[in-house]
Amino acid sequence: MNEAQTRAELIDPAFKASGWGVFPDSRIRREVITPGQLLTGN
């Protein structure tokens, strides 16, 4: 598991479960850096 996966699968859900940082209609975007390009996922 890399740093981005750890955050997405463990840290962010813990924040959300505790009610921290939850705003109506908000989204979390993940960015993955690969050789030569930047890919964004919704």
PDB file of N, CA and C in Angstrom:
ATOM      1  N   MET A   1       0.855  -1.167   0.000  1.00  0.00           N
ATOM      2  CA  MET A   1       0.000   0.000   0.000  1.00  0.00           C
ATOM      3  C   MET A   1       0.905   1.235   0.000  1.00  0.00           C
ATOM      4  N   ASN A   2       0.635   2.176  -0.902  1.00  0.00           N
ATOM      5  CA  ASN A   2       1.429   3.390  -0.934  1.00  0.00           C
ATOM      6  C   ASN A   2       0.775   4.493  -0.091  1.00  0.00           C
ATOM      7  N   GLU A   3       1.403   5.645  -0.034  1.00  0.00           N
ATOM      8  CA  GLU A   3       0.918   6.733   0.809  1.00  0.00           C
ATOM      9  C   GLU A   3      -0.488   7.189   0.421  1.00  0.00           C
ATOM     10  N   ALA A   4      -0.755   7.315  -0.867  1.00  0.00           N
ATOM     11  CA  ALA A   4      -2.077   7.752  -1.322  1.00  0.00           C
ATOM     12  C   ALA A   4      -3.155   6.730  -0.961  1.00  0.00           C
ATOM     13  N   GLN A   5      -2.845   5.459  -1.116  1.00  0.00           N
ATOM     14  CA  GLN A   5      -3.806   4.408  -0.762  1.00  0.00           C
ATOM     15  C   GLN A   5      -4.059   4.383   0.741  1.00  0.00           C
ATOM     16  N   THR A   6      -3.003   4.545   1.526  1.00  0.00           N
ATOM     17  CA  THR A   6      -3.149   4.564   2.979  1.00  0.00           C
ATOM     18  C   THR A   6      -4.085   5.677   3.403  1.00  0.00           C
ATOM     19  N   ARG A   7      -3.883   6.844   2.827  1.00  0.00           N
ATOM     20  CA  ARG A   7      -4.757   7.969   3.174  1.00  0.00           C
ATOM     21  C   ARG A   7      -6.194   7.694   2.758  1.00  0.00           C
ATOM     22  N   ALA A   8      -6.384   7.250   1.517  1.00  0.00           N
ATOM     23  CA  ALA A   8      -7.735   7.039   0.994  1.00  0.00           C
ATOM     24  C   ALA A   8      -8.479   5.929   1.730  1.00  0.00           C
ATOM     25  N   GLU A   9      -7.777   4.879   2.114  1.00  0.00           N
ATOM     26  CA  GLU A   9      -8.443   3.712   2.694  1.00  0.00           C
ATOM     27  C   GLU A   9      -8.498   3.716   4.223  1.00  0.00           C
ATOM     28  N   LEU A  10      -7.580   4.418   4.869  1.00  0.00           N
ATOM     29  CA  LEU A  10      -7.519   4.377   6.330  1.00  0.00           C
ATOM     30  C   LEU A  10      -7.724   5.740   6.999  1.00  0.00           C
ATOM     31  N   ILE A  11      -6.988   6.732   6.548  1.00  0.00           N
ATOM     32  CA  ILE A  11      -7.007   8.027   7.236  1.00  0.00           C
ATOM     33  C   ILE A  11      -8.270   8.830   6.935  1.00  0.00           C
ATOM     34  N   ASP A  12      -8.595   9.021   5.662  1.00  0.00           N
ATOM     35  CA  ASP A  12      -9.781   9.812   5.313  1.00  0.00           C
ATOM     36  C   ASP A  12     -11.069   9.232   5.898  1.00  0.00           C
ATOM     37  N   PRO A  13     -11.296   7.909   5.838  1.00  0.00           N
ATOM     38  CA  PRO A  13     -12.504   7.362   6.469  1.00  0.00           C
ATOM     39  C   PRO A  13     -12.558   7.605   7.979  1.00  0.00           C
ATOM     40  N   ALA A  14     -11.401   7.576   8.642  1.00  0.00           N
ATOM     41  CA  ALA A  14     -11.372   7.845  10.083  1.00  0.00           C
ATOM     42  C   ALA A  14     -11.750   9.297  10.365  1.00  0.00           C
ATOM     43  N   PHE A  15     -11.245  10.221   9.557  1.00  0.00           N
ATOM     44  CA  PHE A  15     -11.631  11.629   9.702  1.00  0.00           C
ATOM     45  C   PHE A  15     -13.134  11.794   9.496  1.00  0.00           C
ATOM     46  N   LYS A  16     -13.638  11.204   8.432  1.00  0.00           N
ATOM     47  CA  LYS A  16     -15.066  11.329   8.113  1.00  0.00           C
ATOM     48  C   LYS A  16     -15.935  10.735   9.221  1.00  0.00           C
ATOM     49  N   ALA A  17     -15.548   9.582   9.745  1.00  0.00           N
ATOM     50  CA  ALA A  17     -16.314   8.920  10.806  1.00  0.00           C
ATOM     51  C   ALA A  17     -16.371   9.764  12.077  1.00  0.00           C
ATOM     52  N   SER A  18     -15.324  10.559  12.306  1.00  0.00           N
ATOM     53  CA  SER A  18     -15.305  11.406  13.495  1.00  0.00           C
ATOM     54  C   SER A  18     -15.987  12.753  13.256  1.00  0.00           C
ATOM     55  N   GLY A  19     -16.460  12.970  12.000  1.00  0.00           N
ATOM     56  CA  GLY A  19     -17.158  14.213  11.675  1.00  0.00           C
ATOM     57  C   GLY A  19     -16.238  15.361  11.317  1.00  0.00           C
ATOM     58  N   TRP A  20     -14.947  15.083  11.184  1.00  0.00           N
ATOM     59  CA  TRP A  20     -13.988  16.132  10.886  1.00  0.00           C
ATOM     60  C   TRP A  20     -13.884  16.357   9.383  1.00  0.00           C
ATOM     61  N   GLY A  21     -13.975  17.605   8.957  1.00  0.00           N
ATOM     62  CA  GLY A  21     -13.753  17.950   7.554  1.00  0.00           C
ATOM     63  C   GLY A  21     -14.853  17.530   6.601  1.00  0.00           C
ATOM     64  N   VAL A  22     -16.046  17.285   7.096  1.00  0.00           N
ATOM     65  CA  VAL A  22     -17.148  16.870   6.224  1.00  0.00           C
ATOM     66  C   VAL A  22     -17.996  18.090   5.894  1.00  0.00           C
ATOM     67  N   PHE A  23     -18.093  18.409   4.612  1.00  0.00           N
ATOM     68  CA  PHE A  23     -18.870  19.544   4.153  1.00  0.00           C
ATOM     69  C   PHE A  23     -19.851  19.060   3.097  1.00  0.00           C
ATOM     70  N   PRO A  24     -21.084  19.563   3.108  1.00  0.00           N
ATOM     71  CA  PRO A  24     -22.057  19.161   2.093  1.00  0.00           C
ATOM     72  C   PRO A  24     -21.515  19.410   0.682  1.00  0.00           C
ATOM     73  N   ASP A  25     -21.736  18.454  -0.205  1.00  0.00           N
ATOM     74  CA  ASP A  25     -21.349  18.545  -1.616  1.00  0.00           C
ATOM     75  C   ASP A  25     -19.851  18.679  -1.849  1.00  0.00           C
ATOM     76  N   SER A  26     -19.015  18.301  -0.875  1.00  0.00           N
ATOM     77  CA  SER A  26     -17.573  18.372  -1.089  1.00  0.00           C
ATOM     78  C   SER A  26     -17.077  17.050  -1.682  1.00  0.00           C
ATOM     79  N   ARG A  27     -15.932  17.111  -2.350  1.00  0.00           N
ATOM     80  CA  ARG A  27     -15.335  15.921  -2.945  1.00  0.00           C
ATOM     81  C   ARG A  27     -13.852  15.885  -2.633  1.00  0.00           C
ATOM     82  N   ILE A  28     -13.306  14.694  -2.606  1.00  0.00           N
ATOM     83  CA  ILE A  28     -11.870  14.515  -2.441  1.00  0.00           C
ATOM     84  C   ILE A  28     -11.311  14.061  -3.781  1.00  0.00           C
ATOM     85  N   ARG A  29     -10.287  14.754  -4.243  1.00  0.00           N
ATOM     86  CA  ARG A  29      -9.643  14.379  -5.499  1.00  0.00           C
ATOM     87  C   ARG A  29      -8.293  13.767  -5.195  1.00  0.00           C
ATOM     88  N   ARG A  30      -7.990  12.672  -5.875  1.00  0.00           N
ATOM     89  CA  ARG A  30      -6.700  12.014  -5.722  1.00  0.00           C
ATOM     90  C   ARG A  30      -5.884  12.244  -6.975  1.00  0.00           C
ATOM     91  N   GLU A  31      -4.631  12.589  -6.791  1.00  0.00           N
ATOM     92  CA  GLU A  31      -3.713  12.769  -7.905  1.00  0.00           C
ATOM     93  C   GLU A  31      -2.632  11.706  -7.820  1.00  0.00           C
ATOM     94  N   VAL A  32      -2.329  11.124  -8.966  1.00  0.00           N
ATOM     95  CA  VAL A  32      -1.305  10.091  -9.043  1.00  0.00           C
ATOM     96  C   VAL A  32      -0.253  10.547 -10.033  1.00  0.00           C
ATOM     97  N   ILE A  33       0.981  10.639  -9.589  1.00  0.00           N
ATOM     98  CA  ILE A  33       2.062  11.069 -10.469  1.00  0.00           C
ATOM     99  C   ILE A  33       2.707   9.829 -11.067  1.00  0.00           C
ATOM    100  N   THR A  34       2.760   9.813 -12.381  1.00  0.00           N
ATOM    101  CA  THR A  34       3.388   8.724 -13.105  1.00  0.00           C
ATOM    102  C   THR A  34       4.461   9.326 -14.015  1.00  0.00           C
ATOM    103  N   PRO A  35       5.382   8.534 -14.499  1.00  0.00           N
ATOM    104  CA  PRO A  35       6.439   9.086 -15.370  1.00  0.00           C
ATOM    105  C   PRO A  35       5.826   9.833 -16.570  1.00  0.00           C
ATOM    106  N   GLY A  36       6.066  11.140 -16.615  1.00  0.00           N
ATOM    107  CA  GLY A  36       5.661  11.921 -17.767  1.00  0.00           C
ATOM    108  C   GLY A  36       4.254  12.465 -17.759  1.00  0.00           C
ATOM    109  N   GLN A  37       3.444  12.132 -16.751  1.00  0.00           N
ATOM    110  CA  GLN A  37       2.088  12.663 -16.779  1.00  0.00           C
ATOM    111  C   GLN A  37       1.483  12.716 -15.370  1.00  0.00           C
ATOM    112  N   LEU A  38       0.459  13.531 -15.223  1.00  0.00           N
ATOM    113  CA  LEU A  38      -0.259  13.660 -13.978  1.00  0.00           C
ATOM    114  C   LEU A  38      -1.696  13.215 -14.236  1.00  0.00           C
ATOM    115  N   LEU A  39      -2.133  12.190 -13.550  1.00  0.00           N
ATOM    116  CA  LEU A  39      -3.489  11.670 -13.715  1.00  0.00           C
ATOM    117  C   LEU A  39      -4.317  12.076 -12.504  1.00  0.00           C
ATOM    118  N   THR A  40      -5.495  12.618 -12.743  1.00  0.00           N
ATOM    119  CA  THR A  40      -6.378  12.969 -11.629  1.00  0.00           C
ATOM    120  C   THR A  40      -7.596  12.073 -11.658  1.00  0.00           C
ATOM    121  N   GLY A  41      -8.025  11.655 -10.503  1.00  0.00           N
ATOM    122  CA  GLY A  41      -9.213  10.819 -10.377  1.00  0.00           C
ATOM    123  C   GLY A  41     -10.208  11.501  -9.478  1.00  0.00           C
ATOM    124  N   ASN A  42     -11.469  11.262  -9.726  1.00  0.00           N
ATOM    125  CA  ASN A  42     -12.511  11.899  -8.908  1.00  0.00           C
ATOM    126  C   ASN A  42     -12.972  10.978  -7.840  1.00  0.00           C
TER     127      ASN A  42
END
